[in-house]
Amino acid sequence: MPALAAPAIFVLIWSTGFIVARGALPYAETATLLTIRYVAAVVLLAALAVAMRAPWPRGANTWMHLLVVGVLINVGYIGGVFTSIERQMPAGVSALLVSLQPLLTAILAGPLLGEAISRRQWIGLLLGLIGAALVIWEKARIGEATTVSVALSGVALLGITLGTLYQKRFLPSMDLRTGMVVQYAYAAIVFAVCALLFETMTVRWTAEFLGAMVWAVLALSIGANMLLFWLMRRGAASKVAALFYLVPPCTALIALPLFGETFGVVALIGMGVTVAGVALASRS
């Protein structure tokens, strides 16, 4: 039963990442906020790894692979999402643009991982793409997204796609506890340098900010990422990536009461098509 519930739990937690970005950014700039987040995650995960006597990575190649994954997923994806939302990209639209990951993953999984994509999966992935496009089209009419914010979401899309594929290819047996400590440490260093160079590093320590940070560290940086890599180990990359098509409707439903990010009939139809596509693409 836990294994069956894991995909649904992952989608729910992952969807809140866009909400956290929207809720926390009024109180700190992106690099400053993410430096705090990743330093806290490193401290907690390192303590857990030591307490559980988890094995630490060995060899220069392994540490280099961890650097690549850490930069792609945490700097490219998380940094791209937060920066795009900081530049007025609605949380729901950011989630929709990143939801193109399954199609990109399916295209790259063949040559990079040697995974065969069935005709049924291609149909499901294309249905998911059509559904996501319907929702994006409706949101784009509002004119809230800018060229820069869309480009930053594109960086996030490439980061999460290439990062998960690279992880599955070169770090298939990485201990998640210690491996993520190293990845997060690399990300914390990059964000700290960016904060020192380009930001004021001012933080308003409100209850809302603290609550968002606690959730970001415990549920997202630790819980969701461990669950993502666990799912990647158990299933084909393209099938796990198909779950990301469910993130936009889930994010939109959460953002509606919190931020008033509304969606209409076309978006609802698109969400239904997306769910059908995910179900088809995820079948064995």
C-alpha atoms as a PDB file:
ATOM      1  CA  MET A   1       0.000   0.000   0.000  1.00  0.00           C
ATOM      2  CA  PRO A   2       2.734   2.598   0.785  1.00  0.00           C
ATOM      3  CA  ALA A   3       4.296   1.926  -2.633  1.00  0.00           C
ATOM      4  CA  LEU A   4       0.930   2.465  -4.337  1.00  0.00           C
ATOM      5  CA  ALA A   5       0.361   5.728  -2.463  1.00  0.00           C
ATOM      6  CA  ALA A   6       3.882   7.073  -3.109  1.00  0.00           C
ATOM      7  CA  PRO A   7       3.124   8.691  -6.518  1.00  0.00           C
ATOM      8  CA  ALA A   8       0.079  10.550  -5.161  1.00  0.00           C
ATOM      9  CA  ILE A   9       2.002  11.723  -2.086  1.00  0.00           C
ATOM     10  CA  PHE A  10       4.867  12.879  -4.291  1.00  0.00           C
ATOM     11  CA  VAL A  11       2.590  14.898  -6.597  1.00  0.00           C
ATOM     12  CA  LEU A  12       0.861  16.577  -3.651  1.00  0.00           C
ATOM     13  CA  ILE A  13       4.093  17.558  -1.897  1.00  0.00           C
ATOM     14  CA  TRP A  14       5.887  18.585  -5.104  1.00  0.00           C
ATOM     15  CA  SER A  15       2.969  20.829  -6.072  1.00  0.00           C
ATOM     16  CA  THR A  16       3.390  22.843  -2.889  1.00  0.00           C
ATOM     17  CA  GLY A  17       6.875  23.909  -3.999  1.00  0.00           C
ATOM     18  CA  PHE A  18       5.372  26.535  -6.311  1.00  0.00           C
ATOM     19  CA  ILE A  19       3.098  27.698  -3.484  1.00  0.00           C
ATOM     20  CA  VAL A  20       6.046  28.001  -1.098  1.00  0.00           C
ATOM     21  CA  ALA A  21       7.902  30.126  -3.643  1.00  0.00           C
ATOM     22  CA  ARG A  22       4.936  32.464  -4.051  1.00  0.00           C
ATOM     23  CA  GLY A  23       4.404  32.696  -0.279  1.00  0.00           C
ATOM     24  CA  ALA A  24       8.034  33.154   0.823  1.00  0.00           C
ATOM     25  CA  LEU A  25       9.452  35.500  -1.829  1.00  0.00           C
ATOM     26  CA  PRO A  26       7.816  38.672  -0.439  1.00  0.00           C
ATOM     27  CA  TYR A  27      10.090  38.301   2.598  1.00  0.00           C
ATOM     28  CA  ALA A  28      13.487  37.499   0.987  1.00  0.00           C
ATOM     29  CA  GLU A  29      15.184  37.548  -2.403  1.00  0.00           C
ATOM     30  CA  THR A  30      15.589  34.265  -4.266  1.00  0.00           C
ATOM     31  CA  ALA A  31      19.272  33.443  -3.695  1.00  0.00           C
ATOM     32  CA  THR A  32      19.132  34.546  -0.056  1.00  0.00           C
ATOM     33  CA  LEU A  33      16.013  32.483   0.587  1.00  0.00           C
ATOM     34  CA  LEU A  34      17.439  29.392  -1.105  1.00  0.00           C
ATOM     35  CA  THR A  35      20.758  29.717   0.726  1.00  0.00           C
ATOM     36  CA  ILE A  36      18.894  29.557   4.031  1.00  0.00           C
ATOM     37  CA  ARG A  37      16.798  26.637   2.794  1.00  0.00           C
ATOM     38  CA  TYR A  38      19.722  24.526   1.613  1.00  0.00           C
ATOM     39  CA  VAL A  39      21.977  25.245   4.574  1.00  0.00           C
ATOM     40  CA  ALA A  40      19.184  24.104   6.887  1.00  0.00           C
ATOM     41  CA  ALA A  41      18.590  20.994   4.758  1.00  0.00           C
ATOM     42  CA  VAL A  42      22.317  20.142   4.795  1.00  0.00           C
ATOM     43  CA  VAL A  43      22.486  20.415   8.601  1.00  0.00           C
ATOM     44  CA  LEU A  44      19.403  18.242   9.167  1.00  0.00           C
ATOM     45  CA  LEU A  45      20.291  15.601   6.574  1.00  0.00           C
ATOM     46  CA  ALA A  46      23.915  15.415   7.712  1.00  0.00           C
ATOM     47  CA  ALA A  47      22.789  14.850  11.307  1.00  0.00           C
ATOM     48  CA  LEU A  48      20.389  12.132  10.114  1.00  0.00           C
ATOM     49  CA  ALA A  49      23.083  10.484   7.991  1.00  0.00           C
ATOM     50  CA  VAL A  50      25.567  10.430  10.885  1.00  0.00           C
ATOM     51  CA  ALA A  51      22.968   9.093  13.306  1.00  0.00           C
ATOM     52  CA  MET A  52      22.036   6.309  10.872  1.00  0.00           C
ATOM     53  CA  ARG A  53      25.699   5.649   9.943  1.00  0.00           C
ATOM     54  CA  ALA A  54      24.923   6.080   6.259  1.00  0.00           C
ATOM     55  CA  PRO A  55      27.829   5.494   3.857  1.00  0.00           C
ATOM     56  CA  TRP A  56      29.368   8.617   2.362  1.00  0.00           C
ATOM     57  CA  PRO A  57      30.204   8.956  -1.342  1.00  0.00           C
ATOM     58  CA  ARG A  58      33.638   7.762  -2.398  1.00  0.00           C
ATOM     59  CA  GLY A  59      35.788   8.664  -5.361  1.00  0.00           C
ATOM     60  CA  ALA A  60      36.294  11.892  -7.291  1.00  0.00           C
ATOM     61  CA  ASN A  61      33.958  10.753 -10.077  1.00  0.00           C
ATOM     62  CA  THR A  62      31.073  10.242  -7.666  1.00  0.00           C
ATOM     63  CA  TRP A  63      31.557  13.681  -6.144  1.00  0.00           C
ATOM     64  CA  MET A  64      31.651  15.200  -9.618  1.00  0.00           C
ATOM     65  CA  HIS A  65      28.409  13.445 -10.575  1.00  0.00           C
ATOM     66  CA  LEU A  66      26.830  14.762  -7.362  1.00  0.00           C
ATOM     67  CA  LEU A  67      27.962  18.261  -8.296  1.00  0.00           C
ATOM     68  CA  VAL A  68      26.310  18.011 -11.721  1.00  0.00           C
ATOM     69  CA  VAL A  69      23.016  16.714 -10.297  1.00  0.00           C
ATOM     70  CA  GLY A  70      23.077  19.234  -7.455  1.00  0.00           C
ATOM     71  CA  VAL A  71      23.520  22.143  -9.853  1.00  0.00           C
ATOM     72  CA  LEU A  72      20.994  20.923 -12.432  1.00  0.00           C
ATOM     73  CA  ILE A  73      18.160  20.101 -10.036  1.00  0.00           C
ATOM     74  CA  ASN A  74      18.669  22.510  -7.159  1.00  0.00           C
ATOM     75  CA  VAL A  75      20.198  25.527  -8.904  1.00  0.00           C
ATOM     76  CA  GLY A  76      18.697  25.086 -12.382  1.00  0.00           C
ATOM     77  CA  TYR A  77      15.241  23.804 -11.460  1.00  0.00           C
ATOM     78  CA  ILE A  78      14.568  25.268  -8.007  1.00  0.00           C
ATOM     79  CA  GLY A  79      16.460  28.478  -8.751  1.00  0.00           C
ATOM     80  CA  GLY A  80      14.675  28.867 -12.089  1.00  0.00           C
ATOM     81  CA  VAL A  81      11.229  28.364 -10.564  1.00  0.00           C
ATOM     82  CA  PHE A  82      11.806  30.751  -7.666  1.00  0.00           C
ATOM     83  CA  THR A  83      13.362  33.449  -9.876  1.00  0.00           C
ATOM     84  CA  SER A  84      10.525  33.234 -12.407  1.00  0.00           C
ATOM     85  CA  ILE A  85       7.924  33.566  -9.653  1.00  0.00           C
ATOM     86  CA  GLU A  86       9.927  36.438  -8.147  1.00  0.00           C
ATOM     87  CA  ARG A  87       9.510  38.122 -11.551  1.00  0.00           C
ATOM     88  CA  GLN A  88       5.706  37.918 -11.276  1.00  0.00           C
ATOM     89  CA  MET A  89       5.148  34.503 -12.879  1.00  0.00           C
ATOM     90  CA  PRO A  90       1.954  33.017 -11.327  1.00  0.00           C
ATOM     91  CA  ALA A  91       2.644  29.803  -9.408  1.00  0.00           C
ATOM     92  CA  GLY A  92       0.130  27.866 -11.524  1.00  0.00           C
ATOM     93  CA  VAL A  93       1.657  29.014 -14.815  1.00  0.00           C
ATOM     94  CA  SER A  94       5.181  28.202 -13.636  1.00  0.00           C
ATOM     95  CA  ALA A  95       4.029  24.690 -12.756  1.00  0.00           C
ATOM     96  CA  LEU A  96       2.400  24.337 -16.168  1.00  0.00           C
ATOM     97  CA  LEU A  97       5.527  25.285 -18.095  1.00  0.00           C
ATOM     98  CA  VAL A  98       7.692  22.901 -16.093  1.00  0.00           C
ATOM     99  CA  SER A  99       5.084  20.173 -16.688  1.00  0.00           C
ATOM    100  CA  LEU A 100       6.486  19.786 -20.199  1.00  0.00           C
ATOM    101  CA  GLN A 101       9.199  17.685 -18.564  1.00  0.00           C
ATOM    102  CA  PRO A 102       7.581  14.282 -19.304  1.00  0.00           C
ATOM    103  CA  LEU A 103       7.681  14.824 -23.050  1.00  0.00           C
ATOM    104  CA  LEU A 104      11.264  16.060 -22.940  1.00  0.00           C
ATOM    105  CA  THR A 105      12.217  13.145 -20.679  1.00  0.00           C
ATOM    106  CA  ALA A 106      10.608  10.637 -23.035  1.00  0.00           C
ATOM    107  CA  ILE A 107      12.555  12.075 -25.959  1.00  0.00           C
ATOM    108  CA  LEU A 108      15.881  11.952 -24.091  1.00  0.00           C
ATOM    109  CA  ALA A 109      15.400   8.691 -22.126  1.00  0.00           C
ATOM    110  CA  GLY A 110      15.907   6.561 -25.232  1.00  0.00           C
ATOM    111  CA  PRO A 111      19.353   7.775 -26.304  1.00  0.00           C
ATOM    112  CA  LEU A 112      20.598   8.509 -22.769  1.00  0.00           C
ATOM    113  CA  LEU A 113      19.230   5.552 -20.783  1.00  0.00           C
ATOM    114  CA  GLY A 114      18.288   3.033 -23.462  1.00  0.00           C
ATOM    115  CA  GLU A 115      14.638   2.999 -22.363  1.00  0.00           C
ATOM    116  CA  ALA A 116      12.064   1.923 -24.923  1.00  0.00           C
ATOM    117  CA  ILE A 117       9.000   4.174 -25.132  1.00  0.00           C
ATOM    118  CA  SER A 118       5.869   2.291 -26.224  1.00  0.00           C
ATOM    119  CA  ARG A 119       3.237   3.677 -28.582  1.00  0.00           C
ATOM    120  CA  ARG A 120       0.744   3.810 -25.700  1.00  0.00           C
ATOM    121  CA  GLN A 121       3.165   5.875 -23.639  1.00  0.00           C
ATOM    122  CA  TRP A 122       3.787   8.297 -26.512  1.00  0.00           C
ATOM    123  CA  ILE A 123       0.032   8.789 -26.923  1.00  0.00           C
ATOM    124  CA  GLY A 124      -0.322   9.380 -23.195  1.00  0.00           C
ATOM    125  CA  LEU A 125       2.569  11.834 -23.128  1.00  0.00           C
ATOM    126  CA  LEU A 126       1.151  13.760 -26.079  1.00  0.00           C
ATOM    127  CA  LEU A 127      -2.279  13.877 -24.438  1.00  0.00           C
ATOM    128  CA  GLY A 128      -0.638  15.276 -21.332  1.00  0.00           C
ATOM    129  CA  LEU A 129       1.136  17.886 -23.438  1.00  0.00           C
ATOM    130  CA  ILE A 130      -2.131  18.911 -25.124  1.00  0.00           C
ATOM    131  CA  GLY A 131      -3.850  19.184 -21.752  1.00  0.00           C
ATOM    132  CA  ALA A 132      -1.051  21.299 -20.314  1.00  0.00           C
ATOM    133  CA  ALA A 133      -1.097  23.497 -23.443  1.00  0.00           C
ATOM    134  CA  LEU A 134      -4.813  24.191 -22.989  1.00  0.00           C
ATOM    135  CA  VAL A 135      -4.247  25.413 -19.454  1.00  0.00           C
ATOM    136  CA  ILE A 136      -1.190  27.454 -20.482  1.00  0.00           C
ATOM    137  CA  TRP A 137      -3.178  29.042 -23.324  1.00  0.00           C
ATOM    138  CA  GLU A 138      -5.926  30.184 -20.989  1.00  0.00           C
ATOM    139  CA  LYS A 139      -3.434  31.554 -18.459  1.00  0.00           C
ATOM    140  CA  ALA A 140      -1.372  33.307 -21.143  1.00  0.00           C
ATOM    141  CA  ARG A 141      -4.367  35.400 -22.187  1.00  0.00           C
ATOM    142  CA  ILE A 142      -4.198  37.164 -18.816  1.00  0.00           C
ATOM    143  CA  GLY A 143      -0.766  38.510 -19.719  1.00  0.00           C
ATOM    144  CA  GLU A 144       0.844  37.883 -16.335  1.00  0.00           C
ATOM    145  CA  ALA A 145       3.882  36.051 -17.711  1.00  0.00           C
ATOM    146  CA  THR A 146       6.829  37.926 -19.277  1.00  0.00           C
ATOM    147  CA  THR A 147       9.476  36.739 -21.718  1.00  0.00           C
ATOM    148  CA  VAL A 148      12.076  36.675 -18.941  1.00  0.00           C
ATOM    149  CA  SER A 149       9.884  34.725 -16.523  1.00  0.00           C
ATOM    150  CA  VAL A 150       8.987  32.209 -19.248  1.00  0.00           C
ATOM    151  CA  ALA A 151      12.694  31.801 -20.109  1.00  0.00           C
ATOM    152  CA  LEU A 152      13.503  31.187 -16.435  1.00  0.00           C
ATOM    153  CA  SER A 153      10.800  28.526 -16.311  1.00  0.00           C
ATOM    154  CA  GLY A 154      12.469  26.987 -19.370  1.00  0.00           C
ATOM    155  CA  VAL A 155      15.756  26.842 -17.455  1.00  0.00           C
ATOM    156  CA  ALA A 156      13.890  25.093 -14.650  1.00  0.00           C
ATOM    157  CA  LEU A 157      12.421  22.607 -17.139  1.00  0.00           C
ATOM    158  CA  LEU A 158      15.855  21.710 -18.525  1.00  0.00           C
ATOM    159  CA  GLY A 159      17.327  21.493 -15.024  1.00  0.00           C
ATOM    160  CA  ILE A 160      14.836  18.988 -13.627  1.00  0.00           C
ATOM    161  CA  THR A 161      14.775  16.918 -16.846  1.00  0.00           C
ATOM    162  CA  LEU A 162      18.534  16.607 -17.296  1.00  0.00           C
ATOM    163  CA  GLY A 163      19.140  16.318 -13.547  1.00  0.00           C
ATOM    164  CA  THR A 164      16.831  13.335 -13.011  1.00  0.00           C
ATOM    165  CA  LEU A 165      18.133  11.560 -16.117  1.00  0.00           C
ATOM    166  CA  TYR A 166      21.739  12.165 -15.089  1.00  0.00           C
ATOM    167  CA  GLN A 167      20.981  10.892 -11.586  1.00  0.00           C
ATOM    168  CA  LYS A 168      19.435   7.688 -12.926  1.00  0.00           C
ATOM    169  CA  ARG A 169      22.316   7.148 -15.377  1.00  0.00           C
ATOM    170  CA  PHE A 170      25.364   7.872 -13.216  1.00  0.00           C
ATOM    171  CA  LEU A 171      24.164   7.563  -9.588  1.00  0.00           C
ATOM    172  CA  PRO A 172      21.706   4.654  -9.637  1.00  0.00           C
ATOM    173  CA  SER A 173      22.769   3.290  -6.230  1.00  0.00           C
ATOM    174  CA  MET A 174      23.581   6.541  -4.421  1.00  0.00           C
ATOM    175  CA  ASP A 175      22.692   6.597  -0.732  1.00  0.00           C
ATOM    176  CA  LEU A 176      19.947   9.218  -0.693  1.00  0.00           C
ATOM    177  CA  ARG A 177      20.831  10.546   2.764  1.00  0.00           C
ATOM    178  CA  THR A 178      24.492  11.352   2.201  1.00  0.00           C
ATOM    179  CA  GLY A 179      24.198  11.957  -1.543  1.00  0.00           C
ATOM    180  CA  MET A 180      21.609  14.664  -1.004  1.00  0.00           C
ATOM    181  CA  VAL A 181      23.769  16.271   1.695  1.00  0.00           C
ATOM    182  CA  VAL A 182      26.541  16.708  -0.867  1.00  0.00           C
ATOM    183  CA  GLN A 183      24.168  17.924  -3.605  1.00  0.00           C
ATOM    184  CA  TYR A 184      22.546  20.452  -1.271  1.00  0.00           C
ATOM    185  CA  ALA A 185      25.933  21.662  -0.038  1.00  0.00           C
ATOM    186  CA  TYR A 186      26.959  22.419  -3.624  1.00  0.00           C
ATOM    187  CA  ALA A 187      23.664  24.263  -4.199  1.00  0.00           C
ATOM    188  CA  ALA A 188      24.034  26.248  -0.956  1.00  0.00           C
ATOM    189  CA  ILE A 189      27.483  27.436  -2.040  1.00  0.00           C
ATOM    190  CA  VAL A 190      26.221  28.582  -5.457  1.00  0.00           C
ATOM    191  CA  PHE A 191      23.226  30.420  -3.985  1.00  0.00           C
ATOM    192  CA  ALA A 192      25.344  32.013  -1.240  1.00  0.00           C
ATOM    193  CA  VAL A 193      27.759  33.403  -3.841  1.00  0.00           C
ATOM    194  CA  CYS A 194      24.845  34.737  -5.910  1.00  0.00           C
ATOM    195  CA  ALA A 195      23.279  36.334  -2.832  1.00  0.00           C
ATOM    196  CA  LEU A 196      26.562  38.028  -1.882  1.00  0.00           C
ATOM    197  CA  LEU A 197      27.117  39.347  -5.412  1.00  0.00           C
ATOM    198  CA  PHE A 198      23.637  40.348  -6.538  1.00  0.00           C
ATOM    199  CA  GLU A 199      21.282  40.728  -3.562  1.00  0.00           C
ATOM    200  CA  THR A 200      20.851  42.798  -0.408  1.00  0.00           C
ATOM    201  CA  MET A 201      20.468  39.593   1.704  1.00  0.00           C
ATOM    202  CA  THR A 202      17.654  41.242   3.658  1.00  0.00           C
ATOM    203  CA  VAL A 203      15.190  38.845   5.304  1.00  0.00           C
ATOM    204  CA  ARG A 204      11.904  39.674   7.037  1.00  0.00           C
ATOM    205  CA  TRP A 205      11.546  36.935   9.656  1.00  0.00           C
ATOM    206  CA  THR A 206       7.752  36.745   9.778  1.00  0.00           C
ATOM    207  CA  ALA A 207       5.638  33.777  10.848  1.00  0.00           C
ATOM    208  CA  GLU A 208       4.637  33.235   7.209  1.00  0.00           C
ATOM    209  CA  PHE A 209       8.264  33.135   6.088  1.00  0.00           C
ATOM    210  CA  LEU A 210       9.303  30.745   8.865  1.00  0.00           C
ATOM    211  CA  GLY A 211       6.377  28.445   8.127  1.00  0.00           C
ATOM    212  CA  ALA A 212       7.220  28.395   4.421  1.00  0.00           C
ATOM    213  CA  MET A 213      10.878  27.647   5.165  1.00  0.00           C
ATOM    214  CA  VAL A 214      10.096  24.797   7.563  1.00  0.00           C
ATOM    215  CA  TRP A 215       7.852  23.198   4.939  1.00  0.00           C
ATOM    216  CA  ALA A 216      10.407  23.829   2.177  1.00  0.00           C
ATOM    217  CA  VAL A 217      13.193  22.124   4.121  1.00  0.00           C
ATOM    218  CA  LEU A 218      11.337  19.177   5.657  1.00  0.00           C
ATOM    219  CA  ALA A 219       8.653  18.356   3.087  1.00  0.00           C
ATOM    220  CA  LEU A 220      10.294  19.518  -0.151  1.00  0.00           C
ATOM    221  CA  SER A 221      14.087  19.415   0.155  1.00  0.00           C
ATOM    222  CA  ILE A 222      14.078  16.199   2.184  1.00  0.00           C
ATOM    223  CA  GLY A 223      10.754  14.392   1.733  1.00  0.00           C
ATOM    224  CA  ALA A 224       9.848  15.123  -1.901  1.00  0.00           C
ATOM    225  CA  ASN A 225      13.350  14.744  -3.331  1.00  0.00           C
ATOM    226  CA  MET A 226      13.955  11.430  -1.558  1.00  0.00           C
ATOM    227  CA  LEU A 227      10.608  10.224  -2.857  1.00  0.00           C
ATOM    228  CA  LEU A 228      11.446  11.356  -6.401  1.00  0.00           C
ATOM    229  CA  PHE A 229      14.761   9.477  -6.504  1.00  0.00           C
ATOM    230  CA  TRP A 230      13.138   6.414  -4.879  1.00  0.00           C
ATOM    231  CA  LEU A 231      10.450   6.413  -7.578  1.00  0.00           C
ATOM    232  CA  MET A 232      13.107   6.827 -10.290  1.00  0.00           C
ATOM    233  CA  ARG A 233      14.878   3.711  -9.033  1.00  0.00           C
ATOM    234  CA  ARG A 234      11.697   1.647  -9.047  1.00  0.00           C
ATOM    235  CA  GLY A 235      10.351   2.717 -12.449  1.00  0.00           C
ATOM    236  CA  ALA A 236      11.338   3.900 -15.906  1.00  0.00           C
ATOM    237  CA  ALA A 237      12.305   7.556 -16.070  1.00  0.00           C
ATOM    238  CA  SER A 238       9.613   8.392 -18.625  1.00  0.00           C
ATOM    239  CA  LYS A 239       6.855   6.848 -16.472  1.00  0.00           C
ATOM    240  CA  VAL A 240       7.944   8.650 -13.314  1.00  0.00           C
ATOM    241  CA  ALA A 241       8.251  11.908 -15.249  1.00  0.00           C
ATOM    242  CA  ALA A 242       4.645  11.513 -16.406  1.00  0.00           C
ATOM    243  CA  LEU A 243       3.590  12.234 -12.824  1.00  0.00           C
ATOM    244  CA  PHE A 244       4.718  15.832 -13.344  1.00  0.00           C
ATOM    245  CA  TYR A 245       1.720  16.362 -15.618  1.00  0.00           C
ATOM    246  CA  LEU A 246      -0.440  16.113 -12.480  1.00  0.00           C
ATOM    247  CA  VAL A 247       1.455  18.916 -10.723  1.00  0.00           C
ATOM    248  CA  PRO A 248      -0.144  21.864 -12.615  1.00  0.00           C
ATOM    249  CA  PRO A 249      -3.783  21.034 -11.769  1.00  0.00           C
ATOM    250  CA  CYS A 250      -2.795  20.225  -8.197  1.00  0.00           C
ATOM    251  CA  THR A 251      -0.860  23.504  -7.898  1.00  0.00           C
ATOM    252  CA  ALA A 252      -3.756  25.430  -9.445  1.00  0.00           C
ATOM    253  CA  LEU A 253      -6.206  23.972  -6.931  1.00  0.00           C
ATOM    254  CA  ILE A 254      -3.949  24.945  -4.017  1.00  0.00           C
ATOM    255  CA  ALA A 255      -3.207  28.429  -5.414  1.00  0.00           C
ATOM    256  CA  LEU A 256      -6.880  29.235  -5.964  1.00  0.00           C
ATOM    257  CA  PRO A 257      -7.879  29.846  -2.320  1.00  0.00           C
ATOM    258  CA  LEU A 258      -4.438  31.138  -1.282  1.00  0.00           C
ATOM    259  CA  PHE A 259      -3.633  33.619  -4.059  1.00  0.00           C
ATOM    260  CA  GLY A 260      -6.787  33.826  -6.142  1.00  0.00           C
ATOM    261  CA  GLU A 261      -5.141  32.312  -9.247  1.00  0.00           C
ATOM    262  CA  THR A 262      -8.302  31.343 -11.095  1.00  0.00           C
ATOM    263  CA  PHE A 263      -8.849  29.036 -14.068  1.00  0.00           C
ATOM    264  CA  GLY A 264     -11.843  28.562 -16.352  1.00  0.00           C
ATOM    265  CA  VAL A 265     -13.575  25.939 -18.458  1.00  0.00           C
ATOM    266  CA  VAL A 266     -10.727  25.512 -20.957  1.00  0.00           C
ATOM    267  CA  ALA A 267      -8.257  24.945 -18.115  1.00  0.00           C
ATOM    268  CA  LEU A 268     -10.553  22.402 -16.496  1.00  0.00           C
ATOM    269  CA  ILE A 269     -10.812  20.505 -19.783  1.00  0.00           C
ATOM    270  CA  GLY A 270      -7.041  20.636 -20.115  1.00  0.00           C
ATOM    271  CA  MET A 271      -6.596  19.244 -16.614  1.00  0.00           C
ATOM    272  CA  GLY A 272      -8.907  16.335 -17.454  1.00  0.00           C
ATOM    273  CA  VAL A 273      -6.952  15.565 -20.631  1.00  0.00           C
ATOM    274  CA  THR A 274      -3.720  15.756 -18.621  1.00  0.00           C
ATOM    275  CA  VAL A 275      -4.916  13.228 -16.048  1.00  0.00           C
ATOM    276  CA  ALA A 276      -5.968  10.836 -18.825  1.00  0.00           C
ATOM    277  CA  GLY A 277      -2.580  11.212 -20.488  1.00  0.00           C
ATOM    278  CA  VAL A 278      -0.717  10.484 -17.264  1.00  0.00           C
ATOM    279  CA  ALA A 279      -2.791   7.355 -16.635  1.00  0.00           C
ATOM    280  CA  LEU A 280      -2.035   6.103 -20.142  1.00  0.00           C
ATOM    281  CA  ALA A 281       1.673   6.957 -20.077  1.00  0.00           C
ATOM    282  CA  SER A 282       2.194   5.361 -16.663  1.00  0.00           C
ATOM    283  CA  ARG A 283       0.688   1.951 -17.527  1.00  0.00           C
ATOM    284  CA  SER A 284       3.064  -0.979 -17.751  1.00  0.00           C
END
